[in-house]
Amino acid sequence: MKKIIKNKAIVWDYDFEKIDLKKARDKAWFLTRKLRFGDLSGINKKDLKDNLANLDISDSLKELLTNFLYAKS
């Protein structure tokens, strides 16, 4: 992620300073949380591609993101 957008409405229940986005598990958790809340700020295609299989999101959202990431345009 280029710039991490700290939205307190998304991580109100966690100490954001203890989240290490260099760790795959933490990054997948954070991306899942952002997507569930509809916050796309700071998320890039590479992060989505690298973590899509590990995201705990609905099948329909995963399908939508897959189509977006691999569309030929």
Protein backbone atom coordinates (compact mmCIF):
# COMPACT_ATOMS: atom_id res chain seq x y z
CA MET A 1 0.00 0.00 0.00
CA LYS A 2 1.39 3.35 -0.95
CA LYS A 3 -0.25 5.36 1.79
CA ILE A 4 -2.10 3.81 4.66
CA ILE A 5 -5.33 5.60 5.38
CA LYS A 6 -6.18 5.13 9.04
CA ASN A 7 -9.93 5.26 9.27
CA LYS A 8 -10.90 4.94 12.94
CA ALA A 9 -14.37 3.79 11.93
CA ILE A 10 -12.77 0.65 10.50
CA VAL A 11 -10.20 -0.22 13.18
CA TRP A 12 -11.87 1.24 16.27
CA ASP A 13 -11.45 -2.05 18.11
CA TYR A 14 -7.72 -2.53 17.41
CA ASP A 15 -4.56 -0.67 18.33
CA PHE A 16 -3.46 0.29 14.80
CA GLU A 17 0.09 0.90 15.97
CA LYS A 18 0.41 -2.84 16.73
CA ILE A 19 -0.68 -3.90 13.24
CA ASP A 20 2.32 -4.77 11.05
CA LEU A 21 1.22 -4.50 7.43
CA LYS A 22 4.47 -6.13 6.31
CA LYS A 23 3.12 -9.40 7.73
CA ALA A 24 0.86 -11.25 5.29
CA ARG A 25 -1.70 -12.12 7.97
CA ASP A 26 -2.04 -8.53 9.20
CA LYS A 27 -2.25 -7.14 5.66
CA ALA A 28 -4.96 -9.65 4.69
CA TRP A 29 -6.90 -8.78 7.86
CA PHE A 30 -6.60 -5.04 7.17
CA LEU A 31 -7.63 -5.36 3.52
CA THR A 32 -10.59 -7.53 4.54
CA ARG A 33 -11.66 -4.96 7.10
CA LYS A 34 -11.37 -2.07 4.62
CA LEU A 35 -13.30 -3.92 1.90
CA ARG A 36 -16.07 -4.95 4.27
CA PHE A 37 -16.55 -1.31 5.20
CA GLY A 38 -16.37 -0.16 1.57
CA ASP A 39 -13.17 1.85 2.12
CA LEU A 40 -11.03 1.52 -1.01
CA SER A 41 -8.64 4.33 -0.13
CA GLY A 42 -4.98 3.32 -0.21
CA ILE A 43 -5.65 -0.10 -1.76
CA ASN A 44 -3.84 -0.83 -5.00
CA LYS A 45 -4.20 -3.66 -7.53
CA LYS A 46 -0.95 -5.36 -6.52
CA ASP A 47 -2.06 -5.64 -2.88
CA LEU A 48 -5.41 -7.05 -3.98
CA LYS A 49 -3.82 -9.57 -6.34
CA ASP A 50 -1.29 -10.68 -3.74
CA ASN A 51 -3.88 -11.11 -0.99
CA LEU A 52 -7.17 -11.94 -2.71
CA ALA A 53 -7.05 -15.66 -1.90
CA ASN A 54 -6.56 -14.89 1.81
CA LEU A 55 -9.28 -12.28 2.20
CA ASP A 56 -12.29 -13.17 4.33
CA ILE A 57 -14.90 -11.56 2.10
CA SER A 58 -18.08 -12.77 0.42
CA ASP A 59 -17.81 -14.90 -2.71
CA SER A 60 -19.62 -12.24 -4.72
CA LEU A 61 -17.18 -9.52 -3.68
CA LYS A 62 -14.24 -11.82 -4.38
CA GLU A 63 -15.65 -12.53 -7.85
CA LEU A 64 -16.17 -8.82 -8.50
CA LEU A 65 -12.58 -8.03 -7.47
CA THR A 66 -11.22 -10.92 -9.56
CA ASN A 67 -13.06 -9.66 -12.63
CA PHE A 68 -11.76 -6.14 -11.97
CA LEU A 69 -8.16 -7.28 -11.48
CA TYR A 70 -7.96 -9.52 -14.50
CA ALA A 71 -10.09 -7.59 -17.00
CA LYS A 72 -8.32 -6.98 -20.30
CA SER A 73 -8.63 -3.24 -20.59
